[in-house]
C-alpha atoms as a PDB file:
ATOM      1  CA  MET A   1      12.239  27.820  -8.182  1.00  0.00           C
ATOM      2  CA  LYS A   2      13.772  27.676 -11.674  1.00  0.00           C
ATOM      3  CA  SER A   3      17.305  28.300 -10.432  1.00  0.00           C
ATOM      4  CA  ASN A   4      16.753  25.690  -7.723  1.00  0.00           C
ATOM      5  CA  PHE A   5      16.630  23.016 -10.435  1.00  0.00           C
ATOM      6  CA  LEU A   6      18.858  24.462 -13.131  1.00  0.00           C
ATOM      7  CA  ALA A   7      21.776  25.147 -10.812  1.00  0.00           C
ATOM      8  CA  ASP A   8      21.708  21.654  -9.304  1.00  0.00           C
ATOM      9  CA  THR A   9      23.877  19.135 -11.169  1.00  0.00           C
ATOM     10  CA  TYR A  10      22.096  16.342  -9.246  1.00  0.00           C
ATOM     11  CA  PHE A  11      18.702  17.200 -10.770  1.00  0.00           C
ATOM     12  CA  ARG A  12      17.540  15.037 -13.685  1.00  0.00           C
ATOM     13  CA  ILE A  13      14.325  14.197 -15.513  1.00  0.00           C
ATOM     14  CA  SER A  14      14.132  10.797 -17.200  1.00  0.00           C
ATOM     15  CA  LEU A  15      11.545   8.614 -18.841  1.00  0.00           C
ATOM     16  CA  ASP A  16      11.131   5.136 -17.421  1.00  0.00           C
ATOM     17  CA  ASP A  17      12.122   2.656 -20.114  1.00  0.00           C
ATOM     18  CA  CYS A  18      10.858  -0.500 -18.427  1.00  0.00           C
ATOM     19  CA  GLU A  19      10.368  -3.454 -20.760  1.00  0.00           C
ATOM     20  CA  PRO A  20       8.493  -6.437 -19.315  1.00  0.00           C
ATOM     21  CA  GLY A  21      10.869  -9.358 -18.976  1.00  0.00           C
ATOM     22  CA  LYS A  22      13.923  -7.192 -19.684  1.00  0.00           C
ATOM     23  CA  GLY A  23      13.960  -4.642 -16.869  1.00  0.00           C
ATOM     24  CA  ARG A  24      14.856  -0.961 -17.083  1.00  0.00           C
ATOM     25  CA  THR A  25      17.823   1.293 -17.590  1.00  0.00           C
ATOM     26  CA  VAL A  26      17.396   4.690 -15.946  1.00  0.00           C
ATOM     27  CA  VAL A  27      20.666   6.527 -15.412  1.00  0.00           C
ATOM     28  CA  MET A  28      20.633   8.482 -12.167  1.00  0.00           C
ATOM     29  CA  PRO A  29      23.396  10.587 -10.634  1.00  0.00           C
ATOM     30  CA  LEU A  30      24.752   9.875  -7.182  1.00  0.00           C
ATOM     31  CA  LEU A  31      22.839  11.212  -4.208  1.00  0.00           C
ATOM     32  CA  GLY A  32      23.249  14.934  -3.686  1.00  0.00           C
ATOM     33  CA  PRO A  33      24.740  16.697  -0.675  1.00  0.00           C
ATOM     34  CA  SER A  34      21.396  16.428   1.125  1.00  0.00           C
ATOM     35  CA  GLY A  35      21.660  12.639   0.858  1.00  0.00           C
ATOM     36  CA  THR A  36      18.572  12.413  -1.352  1.00  0.00           C
ATOM     37  CA  SER A  37      17.897  11.976  -5.047  1.00  0.00           C
ATOM     38  CA  ARG A  38      16.547  14.864  -7.063  1.00  0.00           C
ATOM     39  CA  CYS A  39      15.690  12.724 -10.060  1.00  0.00           C
ATOM     40  CA  ILE A  40      12.247  12.646 -11.582  1.00  0.00           C
ATOM     41  CA  VAL A  41      11.421   9.473 -13.491  1.00  0.00           C
ATOM     42  CA  LEU A  42       8.178   9.655 -15.447  1.00  0.00           C
ATOM     43  CA  LYS A  43       6.354   6.679 -16.895  1.00  0.00           C
ATOM     44  CA  PRO A  44       5.355   6.851 -20.569  1.00  0.00           C
ATOM     45  CA  ARG A  45       1.861   5.607 -19.656  1.00  0.00           C
ATOM     46  CA  LEU A  46       1.097   9.109 -18.329  1.00  0.00           C
ATOM     47  CA  GLU A  47       0.214   9.844 -21.970  1.00  0.00           C
ATOM     48  CA  GLN A  48      -2.767   7.526 -21.549  1.00  0.00           C
ATOM     49  CA  CYS A  49      -4.034   9.272 -18.399  1.00  0.00           C
ATOM     50  CA  SER A  50      -6.291  12.281 -18.202  1.00  0.00           C
ATOM     51  CA  HIS A  51      -4.639  15.656 -18.574  1.00  0.00           C
ATOM     52  CA  GLU A  52      -5.503  16.604 -14.987  1.00  0.00           C
ATOM     53  CA  PHE A  53      -4.039  13.407 -13.523  1.00  0.00           C
ATOM     54  CA  SER A  54      -0.850  13.652 -15.602  1.00  0.00           C
ATOM     55  CA  CYS A  55      -0.301  17.287 -14.583  1.00  0.00           C
ATOM     56  CA  TYR A  56      -0.860  16.421 -10.932  1.00  0.00           C
ATOM     57  CA  ILE A  57       1.638  13.522 -11.052  1.00  0.00           C
ATOM     58  CA  ILE A  58       4.277  15.665 -12.769  1.00  0.00           C
ATOM     59  CA  ALA A  59       3.756  18.535 -10.289  1.00  0.00           C
ATOM     60  CA  HIS A  60       3.864  16.058  -7.368  1.00  0.00           C
ATOM     61  CA  GLU A  61       7.199  14.652  -8.593  1.00  0.00           C
ATOM     62  CA  PHE A  62       8.643  18.149  -9.141  1.00  0.00           C
ATOM     63  CA  ALA A  63       7.515  18.992  -5.603  1.00  0.00           C
ATOM     64  CA  HIS A  64       9.465  16.004  -4.256  1.00  0.00           C
ATOM     65  CA  ALA A  65      12.571  17.204  -6.101  1.00  0.00           C
ATOM     66  CA  HIS A  66      12.061  20.799  -4.978  1.00  0.00           C
ATOM     67  CA  LEU A  67      11.691  19.688  -1.356  1.00  0.00           C
ATOM     68  CA  HIS A  68      14.659  17.295  -1.598  1.00  0.00           C
ATOM     69  CA  ASN A  69      12.170  14.531  -0.711  1.00  0.00           C
ATOM     70  CA  GLY A  70      11.450  16.164   2.627  1.00  0.00           C
ATOM     71  CA  GLY A  71       8.669  18.038   4.335  1.00  0.00           C
ATOM     72  CA  TRP A  72       7.158  21.428   3.583  1.00  0.00           C
ATOM     73  CA  GLY A  73       6.516  23.862   6.390  1.00  0.00           C
ATOM     74  CA  GLU A  74       4.804  21.977   9.175  1.00  0.00           C
ATOM     75  CA  ILE A  75       4.013  18.986   6.929  1.00  0.00           C
ATOM     76  CA  THR A  76       6.586  16.323   7.764  1.00  0.00           C
ATOM     77  CA  ASP A  77       5.254  13.408   5.710  1.00  0.00           C
ATOM     78  CA  ARG A  78       7.008  13.709   2.353  1.00  0.00           C
ATOM     79  CA  GLU A  79       4.040  12.417   0.298  1.00  0.00           C
ATOM     80  CA  ASP A  80       1.651  14.841   2.003  1.00  0.00           C
ATOM     81  CA  ALA A  81       4.210  17.630   1.547  1.00  0.00           C
ATOM     82  CA  ALA A  82       4.544  16.918  -2.182  1.00  0.00           C
ATOM     83  CA  ASP A  83       0.739  16.881  -2.537  1.00  0.00           C
ATOM     84  CA  ALA A  84       0.406  20.154  -0.623  1.00  0.00           C
ATOM     85  CA  LEU A  85       3.098  21.911  -2.668  1.00  0.00           C
ATOM     86  CA  ALA A  86       1.655  20.618  -5.950  1.00  0.00           C
ATOM     87  CA  GLN A  87      -1.731  21.969  -4.861  1.00  0.00           C
ATOM     88  CA  HIS A  88      -0.093  25.289  -3.905  1.00  0.00           C
ATOM     89  CA  TRP A  89       1.250  25.438  -7.474  1.00  0.00           C
ATOM     90  CA  GLY A  90      -2.279  24.873  -8.824  1.00  0.00           C
ATOM     91  CA  PHE A  91      -2.301  21.099  -9.315  1.00  0.00           C
ATOM     92  CA  PRO A  92      -4.650  19.515  -6.746  1.00  0.00           C
ATOM     93  CA  LYS A  93      -4.444  15.804  -5.956  1.00  0.00           C
ATOM     94  CA  GLN A  94      -6.354  13.667  -8.414  1.00  0.00           C
ATOM     95  CA  PRO A  95      -7.875  10.219  -7.960  1.00  0.00           C
ATOM     96  CA  PHE A  96      -5.475   7.500  -9.055  1.00  0.00           C
ATOM     97  CA  GLU A  97      -6.023   6.225 -12.605  1.00  0.00           C
ATOM     98  CA  TRP A  98      -5.263   2.582 -13.344  1.00  0.00           C
ATOM     99  CA  ILE A  99      -4.125   1.927 -16.868  1.00  0.00           C
END
């Protein structure tokens, strides 16, 4: 998996810099050859969430990037696929935490 990300010039990790009333500036590369983004944008408020929830969200987003926002095996729904792969990696889905 490591080379899958490191060898891809379309892969990026960014922090969301949203400021209420001002908007955000997240620089993202053009879509890759697969026609999908492989960018992961994380929100700083993850620091305020439980460790388990934050790890799950990060693993879920890495799963999206790894799967090129597509399915996994027989799972065609991309959200279900990302959840299943994150769980396969040891990060089961967590209840959503409002902050």
